[in-house]
Amino acid sequence: MQSSLIGKIEKAKRYAQERGRITFTDFRVSFRGDNDNYVLSYEEGKWGCSCHFFSTRGMCSHTMALQRILAEMLPEEAISLGLD
């Protein structure tokens, strides 16, 4: 293996452990819930979820779970209160 590639692999490992380097700005994911599959998004500072609860409340267990998973990589305003 080329020495330059070995250096890149080591750097990638270090970056993967330093999650504070990453900040999501926009994304869309599929989420397999207990009752159905949902599409979650974070676009222009706003969460979205295709579940019924989100459409009436503007938050849901799916978005809260994703906020917990990605907490270190989301802008502060993307994390709902009461996740502790």
PDB file of N, CA and C in Angstrom:
ATOM      1  N   MET A   1       0.850  -1.172   0.000  1.00  0.00           N
ATOM      2  CA  MET A   1       0.000   0.000   0.000  1.00  0.00           C
ATOM      3  C   MET A   1       0.895   1.235   0.000  1.00  0.00           C
ATOM      4  N   GLN A   2       0.488   2.240  -0.726  1.00  0.00           N
ATOM      5  CA  GLN A   2       1.277   3.473  -0.807  1.00  0.00           C
ATOM      6  C   GLN A   2       1.288   4.190   0.539  1.00  0.00           C
ATOM      7  N   SER A   3       2.435   4.753   0.876  1.00  0.00           N
ATOM      8  CA  SER A   3       2.562   5.431   2.168  1.00  0.00           C
ATOM      9  C   SER A   3       1.613   6.627   2.271  1.00  0.00           C
ATOM     10  N   SER A   4       1.352   7.311   1.166  1.00  0.00           N
ATOM     11  CA  SER A   4       0.436   8.462   1.225  1.00  0.00           C
ATOM     12  C   SER A   4      -0.988   8.004   1.548  1.00  0.00           C
ATOM     13  N   LEU A   5      -1.385   6.824   1.068  1.00  0.00           N
ATOM     14  CA  LEU A   5      -2.708   6.289   1.363  1.00  0.00           C
ATOM     15  C   LEU A   5      -2.805   5.859   2.823  1.00  0.00           C
ATOM     16  N   ILE A   6      -1.742   5.298   3.347  1.00  0.00           N
ATOM     17  CA  ILE A   6      -1.723   4.908   4.754  1.00  0.00           C
ATOM     18  C   ILE A   6      -1.925   6.129   5.637  1.00  0.00           C
ATOM     19  N   GLY A   7      -1.282   7.238   5.297  1.00  0.00           N
ATOM     20  CA  GLY A   7      -1.454   8.485   6.043  1.00  0.00           C
ATOM     21  C   GLY A   7      -2.892   8.982   5.986  1.00  0.00           C
ATOM     22  N   LYS A   8      -3.522   8.861   4.835  1.00  0.00           N
ATOM     23  CA  LYS A   8      -4.923   9.301   4.683  1.00  0.00           C
ATOM     24  C   LYS A   8      -5.864   8.429   5.510  1.00  0.00           C
ATOM     25  N   ILE A   9      -5.595   7.137   5.554  1.00  0.00           N
ATOM     26  CA  ILE A   9      -6.422   6.230   6.357  1.00  0.00           C
ATOM     27  C   ILE A   9      -6.310   6.580   7.832  1.00  0.00           C
ATOM     28  N   GLU A  10      -5.105   6.834   8.309  1.00  0.00           N
ATOM     29  CA  GLU A  10      -4.901   7.218   9.710  1.00  0.00           C
ATOM     30  C   GLU A  10      -5.599   8.545  10.028  1.00  0.00           C
ATOM     31  N   LYS A  11      -5.509   9.482   9.113  1.00  0.00           N
ATOM     32  CA  LYS A  11      -6.166  10.775   9.303  1.00  0.00           C
ATOM     33  C   LYS A  11      -7.685  10.596   9.351  1.00  0.00           C
ATOM     34  N   ALA A  12      -8.216   9.746   8.492  1.00  0.00           N
ATOM     35  CA  ALA A  12      -9.657   9.480   8.477  1.00  0.00           C
ATOM     36  C   ALA A  12     -10.113   8.866   9.800  1.00  0.00           C
ATOM     37  N   LYS A  13      -9.330   7.970  10.360  1.00  0.00           N
ATOM     38  CA  LYS A  13      -9.662   7.367  11.653  1.00  0.00           C
ATOM     39  C   LYS A  13      -9.722   8.425  12.743  1.00  0.00           C
ATOM     40  N   ARG A  14      -8.747   9.325  12.720  1.00  0.00           N
ATOM     41  CA  ARG A  14      -8.729  10.403  13.723  1.00  0.00           C
ATOM     42  C   ARG A  14      -9.930  11.319  13.548  1.00  0.00           C
ATOM     43  N   TYR A  15     -10.205  11.714  12.316  1.00  0.00           N
ATOM     44  CA  TYR A  15     -11.372  12.566  12.047  1.00  0.00           C
ATOM     45  C   TYR A  15     -12.667  11.903  12.518  1.00  0.00           C
ATOM     46  N   ALA A  16     -12.793  10.611  12.296  1.00  0.00           N
ATOM     47  CA  ALA A  16     -14.014   9.895  12.686  1.00  0.00           C
ATOM     48  C   ALA A  16     -14.235   9.926  14.196  1.00  0.00           C
ATOM     49  N   GLN A  17     -13.173  10.033  14.954  1.00  0.00           N
ATOM     50  CA  GLN A  17     -13.291  10.104  16.407  1.00  0.00           C
ATOM     51  C   GLN A  17     -13.537  11.527  16.907  1.00  0.00           C
ATOM     52  N   GLU A  18     -13.315  12.511  16.077  1.00  0.00           N
ATOM     53  CA  GLU A  18     -13.476  13.920  16.460  1.00  0.00           C
ATOM     54  C   GLU A  18     -14.731  14.471  15.801  1.00  0.00           C
ATOM     55  N   ARG A  19     -15.883  14.026  16.287  1.00  0.00           N
ATOM     56  CA  ARG A  19     -17.154  14.359  15.632  1.00  0.00           C
ATOM     57  C   ARG A  19     -17.503  15.832  15.690  1.00  0.00           C
ATOM     58  N   GLY A  20     -16.885  16.562  16.585  1.00  0.00           N
ATOM     59  CA  GLY A  20     -17.124  17.995  16.662  1.00  0.00           C
ATOM     60  C   GLY A  20     -16.651  18.739  15.418  1.00  0.00           C
ATOM     61  N   ARG A  21     -15.890  18.076  14.569  1.00  0.00           N
ATOM     62  CA  ARG A  21     -15.436  18.684  13.310  1.00  0.00           C
ATOM     63  C   ARG A  21     -16.568  18.798  12.294  1.00  0.00           C
ATOM     64  N   ILE A  22     -17.631  18.028  12.498  1.00  0.00           N
ATOM     65  CA  ILE A  22     -18.710  17.928  11.508  1.00  0.00           C
ATOM     66  C   ILE A  22     -19.936  18.667  12.007  1.00  0.00           C
ATOM     67  N   THR A  23     -20.531  19.484  11.138  1.00  0.00           N
ATOM     68  CA  THR A  23     -21.799  20.134  11.441  1.00  0.00           C
ATOM     69  C   THR A  23     -22.724  19.935  10.249  1.00  0.00           C
ATOM     70  N   PHE A  24     -23.831  19.259  10.498  1.00  0.00           N
ATOM     71  CA  PHE A  24     -24.815  19.073   9.441  1.00  0.00           C
ATOM     72  C   PHE A  24     -25.562  20.373   9.198  1.00  0.00           C
ATOM     73  N   THR A  25     -25.809  20.685   7.950  1.00  0.00           N
ATOM     74  CA  THR A  25     -26.610  21.851   7.603  1.00  0.00           C
ATOM     75  C   THR A  25     -27.931  21.425   6.972  1.00  0.00           C
ATOM     76  N   ASP A  26     -27.908  20.451   6.091  1.00  0.00           N
ATOM     77  CA  ASP A  26     -29.111  19.912   5.447  1.00  0.00           C
ATOM     78  C   ASP A  26     -28.919  18.422   5.242  1.00  0.00           C
ATOM     79  N   PHE A  27     -29.991  17.640   5.458  1.00  0.00           N
ATOM     80  CA  PHE A  27     -29.928  16.219   5.137  1.00  0.00           C
ATOM     81  C   PHE A  27     -31.331  15.625   5.099  1.00  0.00           C
ATOM     82  N   ARG A  28     -31.423  14.455   4.524  1.00  0.00           N
ATOM     83  CA  ARG A  28     -32.668  13.692   4.436  1.00  0.00           C
ATOM     84  C   ARG A  28     -32.305  12.237   4.704  1.00  0.00           C
ATOM     85  N   VAL A  29     -33.071  11.569   5.585  1.00  0.00           N
ATOM     86  CA  VAL A  29     -32.802  10.175   5.920  1.00  0.00           C
ATOM     87  C   VAL A  29     -34.098   9.371   5.948  1.00  0.00           C
ATOM     88  N   SER A  30     -33.967   8.071   5.793  1.00  0.00           N
ATOM     89  CA  SER A  30     -35.085   7.147   5.994  1.00  0.00           C
ATOM     90  C   SER A  30     -34.984   6.612   7.410  1.00  0.00           C
ATOM     91  N   PHE A  31     -36.116   6.506   8.081  1.00  0.00           N
ATOM     92  CA  PHE A  31     -36.153   6.056   9.471  1.00  0.00           C
ATOM     93  C   PHE A  31     -37.187   4.938   9.572  1.00  0.00           C
ATOM     94  N   ARG A  32     -36.770   3.776  10.040  1.00  0.00           N
ATOM     95  CA  ARG A  32     -37.685   2.647  10.192  1.00  0.00           C
ATOM     96  C   ARG A  32     -38.249   2.680  11.601  1.00  0.00           C
ATOM     97  N   GLY A  33     -39.482   3.136  11.730  1.00  0.00           N
ATOM     98  CA  GLY A  33     -40.142   3.197  13.025  1.00  0.00           C
ATOM     99  C   GLY A  33     -40.813   1.873  13.359  1.00  0.00           C
ATOM    100  N   ASP A  34     -41.499   1.822  14.502  1.00  0.00           N
ATOM    101  CA  ASP A  34     -42.203   0.605  14.900  1.00  0.00           C
ATOM    102  C   ASP A  34     -43.379   0.296  13.986  1.00  0.00           C
ATOM    103  N   ASN A  35     -44.030   1.341  13.460  1.00  0.00           N
ATOM    104  CA  ASN A  35     -45.256   1.143  12.695  1.00  0.00           C
ATOM    105  C   ASN A  35     -45.123   1.381  11.202  1.00  0.00           C
ATOM    106  N   ASP A  36     -44.091   2.085  10.786  1.00  0.00           N
ATOM    107  CA  ASP A  36     -43.950   2.436   9.376  1.00  0.00           C
ATOM    108  C   ASP A  36     -42.540   2.976   9.144  1.00  0.00           C
ATOM    109  N   ASN A  37     -42.237   3.251   7.898  1.00  0.00           N
ATOM    110  CA  ASN A  37     -40.991   3.925   7.543  1.00  0.00           C
ATOM    111  C   ASN A  37     -41.294   5.392   7.299  1.00  0.00           C
ATOM    112  N   TYR A  38     -40.388   6.259   7.725  1.00  0.00           N
ATOM    113  CA  TYR A  38     -40.609   7.697   7.620  1.00  0.00           C
ATOM    114  C   TYR A  38     -39.415   8.365   6.964  1.00  0.00           C
ATOM    115  N   VAL A  39     -39.659   9.531   6.405  1.00  0.00           N
ATOM    116  CA  VAL A  39     -38.591  10.347   5.837  1.00  0.00           C
ATOM    117  C   VAL A  39     -38.405  11.537   6.769  1.00  0.00           C
ATOM    118  N   LEU A  40     -37.181  11.692   7.266  1.00  0.00           N
ATOM    119  CA  LEU A  40     -36.844  12.822   8.121  1.00  0.00           C
ATOM    120  C   LEU A  40     -35.918  13.748   7.354  1.00  0.00           C
ATOM    121  N   SER A  41     -36.040  15.020   7.640  1.00  0.00           N
ATOM    122  CA  SER A  41     -35.178  15.984   6.976  1.00  0.00           C
ATOM    123  C   SER A  41     -34.797  17.089   7.949  1.00  0.00           C
ATOM    124  N   TYR A  42     -33.698  17.721   7.641  1.00  0.00           N
ATOM    125  CA  TYR A  42     -33.281  18.951   8.314  1.00  0.00           C
ATOM    126  C   TYR A  42     -32.836  19.883   7.203  1.00  0.00           C
ATOM    127  N   GLU A  43     -33.634  20.913   6.959  1.00  0.00           N
ATOM    128  CA  GLU A  43     -33.365  21.838   5.856  1.00  0.00           C
ATOM    129  C   GLU A  43     -33.631  23.267   6.299  1.00  0.00           C
ATOM    130  N   GLU A  44     -32.688  24.135   6.004  1.00  0.00           N
ATOM    131  CA  GLU A  44     -32.811  25.559   6.328  1.00  0.00           C
ATOM    132  C   GLU A  44     -33.195  25.784   7.788  1.00  0.00           C
ATOM    133  N   GLY A  45     -32.572  24.989   8.683  1.00  0.00           N
ATOM    134  CA  GLY A  45     -32.788  25.155  10.113  1.00  0.00           C
ATOM    135  C   GLY A  45     -34.084  24.585  10.648  1.00  0.00           C
ATOM    136  N   LYS A  46     -34.787  23.781   9.855  1.00  0.00           N
ATOM    137  CA  LYS A  46     -36.075  23.229  10.297  1.00  0.00           C
ATOM    138  C   LYS A  46     -36.103  21.715  10.114  1.00  0.00           C
ATOM    139  N   TRP A  47     -36.669  21.032  11.115  1.00  0.00           N
ATOM    140  CA  TRP A  47     -36.857  19.594  11.057  1.00  0.00           C
ATOM    141  C   TRP A  47     -38.117  19.260  10.287  1.00  0.00           C
ATOM    142  N   GLY A  48     -38.139  18.079   9.714  1.00  0.00           N
ATOM    143  CA  GLY A  48     -39.329  17.557   9.063  1.00  0.00           C
ATOM    144  C   GLY A  48     -39.397  16.054   9.253  1.00  0.00           C
ATOM    145  N   CYS A  49     -40.604  15.520   9.348  1.00  0.00           N
ATOM    146  CA  CYS A  49     -40.817  14.078   9.420  1.00  0.00           C
ATOM    147  C   CYS A  49     -42.158  13.781   8.770  1.00  0.00           C
ATOM    148  N   SER A  50     -42.223  12.679   8.060  1.00  0.00           N
ATOM    149  CA  SER A  50     -43.448  12.328   7.349  1.00  0.00           C
ATOM    150  C   SER A  50     -44.497  11.663   8.241  1.00  0.00           C
ATOM    151  N   CYS A  51     -44.222  11.502   9.547  1.00  0.00           N
ATOM    152  CA  CYS A  51     -45.212  10.863  10.431  1.00  0.00           C
ATOM    153  C   CYS A  51     -46.335  11.839  10.791  1.00  0.00           C
ATOM    154  N   HIS A  52     -47.469  11.272  11.175  1.00  0.00           N
ATOM    155  CA  HIS A  52     -48.639  12.088  11.515  1.00  0.00           C
ATOM    156  C   HIS A  52     -48.388  12.964  12.747  1.00  0.00           C
ATOM    157  N   PHE A  53     -47.736  12.417  13.764  1.00  0.00           N
ATOM    158  CA  PHE A  53     -47.499  13.178  14.989  1.00  0.00           C
ATOM    159  C   PHE A  53     -46.723  14.451  14.695  1.00  0.00           C
ATOM    160  N   PHE A  54     -45.698  14.354  13.847  1.00  0.00           N
ATOM    161  CA  PHE A  54     -44.908  15.539  13.516  1.00  0.00           C
ATOM    162  C   PHE A  54     -45.765  16.591  12.827  1.00  0.00           C
ATOM    163  N   SER A  55     -46.669  16.161  11.962  1.00  0.00           N
ATOM    164  CA  SER A  55     -47.494  17.125  11.221  1.00  0.00           C
ATOM    165  C   SER A  55     -48.410  17.925  12.146  1.00  0.00           C
ATOM    166  N   THR A  56     -48.735  17.380  13.314  1.00  0.00           N
ATOM    167  CA  THR A  56     -49.591  18.108  14.243  1.00  0.00           C
ATOM    168  C   THR A  56     -48.822  18.803  15.360  1.00  0.00           C
ATOM    169  N   ARG A  57     -47.611  18.322  15.683  1.00  0.00           N
ATOM    170  CA  ARG A  57     -46.858  18.858  16.823  1.00  0.00           C
ATOM    171  C   ARG A  57     -45.539  19.525  16.465  1.00  0.00           C
ATOM    172  N   GLY A  58     -45.034  19.287  15.260  1.00  0.00           N
ATOM    173  CA  GLY A  58     -43.753  19.877  14.876  1.00  0.00           C
ATOM    174  C   GLY A  58     -42.546  19.218  15.510  1.00  0.00           C
ATOM    175  N   MET A  59     -42.762  18.071  16.143  1.00  0.00           N
ATOM    176  CA  MET A  59     -41.694  17.260  16.717  1.00  0.00           C
ATOM    177  C   MET A  59     -42.235  15.842  16.859  1.00  0.00           C
ATOM    178  N   CYS A  60     -41.355  14.871  16.987  1.00  0.00           N
ATOM    179  CA  CYS A  60     -41.801  13.485  17.139  1.00  0.00           C
ATOM    180  C   CYS A  60     -40.651  12.647  17.685  1.00  0.00           C
ATOM    181  N   SER A  61     -40.950  11.406  18.007  1.00  0.00           N
ATOM    182  CA  SER A  61     -39.921  10.520  18.552  1.00  0.00           C
ATOM    183  C   SER A  61     -38.809  10.263  17.534  1.00  0.00           C
ATOM    184  N   HIS A  62     -39.136  10.308  16.254  1.00  0.00           N
ATOM    185  CA  HIS A  62     -38.144  10.056  15.210  1.00  0.00           C
ATOM    186  C   HIS A  62     -37.123  11.197  15.153  1.00  0.00           C
ATOM    187  N   THR A  63     -37.609  12.444  15.151  1.00  0.00           N
ATOM    188  CA  THR A  63     -36.676  13.573  15.108  1.00  0.00           C
ATOM    189  C   THR A  63     -35.885  13.675  16.409  1.00  0.00           C
ATOM    190  N   MET A  64     -36.535  13.383  17.547  1.00  0.00           N
ATOM    191  CA  MET A  64     -35.820  13.437  18.822  1.00  0.00           C
ATOM    192  C   MET A  64     -34.735  12.370  18.889  1.00  0.00           C
ATOM    193  N   ALA A  65     -35.006  11.174  18.357  1.00  0.00           N
ATOM    194  CA  ALA A  65     -33.991  10.118  18.333  1.00  0.00           C
ATOM    195  C   ALA A  65     -32.798  10.544  17.480  1.00  0.00           C
ATOM    196  N   LEU A  66     -33.074  11.114  16.324  1.00  0.00           N
ATOM    197  CA  LEU A  66     -31.993  11.553  15.447  1.00  0.00           C
ATOM    198  C   LEU A  66     -31.197  12.689  16.074  1.00  0.00           C
ATOM    199  N   GLN A  67     -31.864  13.561  16.802  1.00  0.00           N
ATOM    200  CA  GLN A  67     -31.159  14.630  17.504  1.00  0.00           C
ATOM    201  C   GLN A  67     -30.198  14.049  18.540  1.00  0.00           C
ATOM    202  N   ARG A  68     -30.622  13.008  19.232  1.00  0.00           N
ATOM    203  CA  ARG A  68     -29.740  12.360  20.211  1.00  0.00           C
ATOM    204  C   ARG A  68     -28.539  11.721  19.527  1.00  0.00           C
ATOM    205  N   ILE A  69     -28.782  11.038  18.416  1.00  0.00           N
ATOM    206  CA  ILE A  69     -27.714  10.343  17.704  1.00  0.00           C
ATOM    207  C   ILE A  69     -26.685  11.325  17.152  1.00  0.00           C
ATOM    208  N   LEU A  70     -27.156  12.438  16.610  1.00  0.00           N
ATOM    209  CA  LEU A  70     -26.286  13.391  15.918  1.00  0.00           C
ATOM    210  C   LEU A  70     -25.932  14.616  16.749  1.00  0.00           C
ATOM    211  N   ALA A  71     -26.232  14.605  18.025  1.00  0.00           N
ATOM    212  CA  ALA A  71     -26.115  15.798  18.870  1.00  0.00           C
ATOM    213  C   ALA A  71     -24.818  16.572  18.685  1.00  0.00           C
ATOM    214  N   GLU A  72     -23.693  15.888  18.654  1.00  0.00           N
ATOM    215  CA  GLU A  72     -22.408  16.573  18.530  1.00  0.00           C
ATOM    216  C   GLU A  72     -22.203  17.206  17.162  1.00  0.00           C
ATOM    217  N   MET A  73     -23.008  16.786  16.181  1.00  0.00           N
ATOM    218  CA  MET A  73     -22.779  17.229  14.811  1.00  0.00           C
ATOM    219  C   MET A  73     -23.875  18.162  14.295  1.00  0.00           C
ATOM    220  N   LEU A  74     -24.801  18.551  15.173  1.00  0.00           N
ATOM    221  CA  LEU A  74     -25.872  19.460  14.773  1.00  0.00           C
ATOM    222  C   LEU A  74     -25.609  20.851  15.318  1.00  0.00           C
ATOM    223  N   PRO A  75     -26.058  21.868  14.597  1.00  0.00           N
ATOM    224  CA  PRO A  75     -25.973  23.213  15.172  1.00  0.00           C
ATOM    225  C   PRO A  75     -26.847  23.271  16.430  1.00  0.00           C
ATOM    226  N   GLU A  76     -26.489  24.092  17.374  1.00  0.00           N
ATOM    227  CA  GLU A  76     -27.204  24.162  18.652  1.00  0.00           C
ATOM    228  C   GLU A  76     -28.708  24.361  18.482  1.00  0.00           C
ATOM    229  N   GLU A  77     -29.112  25.182  17.528  1.00  0.00           N
ATOM    230  CA  GLU A  77     -30.532  25.465  17.325  1.00  0.00           C
ATOM    231  C   GLU A  77     -31.305  24.262  16.789  1.00  0.00           C
ATOM    232  N   ALA A  78     -30.613  23.222  16.336  1.00  0.00           N
ATOM    233  CA  ALA A  78     -31.283  22.035  15.795  1.00  0.00           C
ATOM    234  C   ALA A  78     -31.630  21.006  16.869  1.00  0.00           C
ATOM    235  N   ILE A  79     -31.200  21.250  18.090  1.00  0.00           N
ATOM    236  CA  ILE A  79     -31.422  20.292  19.167  1.00  0.00           C
ATOM    237  C   ILE A  79     -32.562  20.792  20.042  1.00  0.00           C
ATOM    238  N   SER A  80     -33.634  19.984  20.127  1.00  0.00           N
ATOM    239  CA  SER A  80     -34.806  20.355  20.903  1.00  0.00           C
ATOM    240  C   SER A  80     -34.495  20.350  22.395  1.00  0.00           C
ATOM    241  N   LEU A  81     -35.260  21.123  23.127  1.00  0.00           N
ATOM    242  CA  LEU A  81     -35.140  21.127  24.580  1.00  0.00           C
ATOM    243  C   LEU A  81     -35.749  19.835  25.126  1.00  0.00           C
ATOM    244  N   GLY A  82     -35.285  19.397  26.258  1.00  0.00           N
ATOM    245  CA  GLY A  82     -35.875  18.250  26.930  1.00  0.00           C
ATOM    246  C   GLY A  82     -35.409  16.898  26.432  1.00  0.00           C
ATOM    247  N   LEU A  83     -34.266  16.830  25.795  1.00  0.00           N
ATOM    248  CA  LEU A  83     -33.775  15.531  25.340  1.00  0.00           C
ATOM    249  C   LEU A  83     -33.040  14.760  26.424  1.00  0.00           C
ATOM    250  N   ASP A  84     -32.769  15.374  27.541  1.00  0.00           N
ATOM    251  CA  ASP A  84     -31.995  14.692  28.607  1.00  0.00           C
ATOM    252  C   ASP A  84     -32.753  13.592  29.269  1.00  0.00           C
TER     253      ASP A  84
END
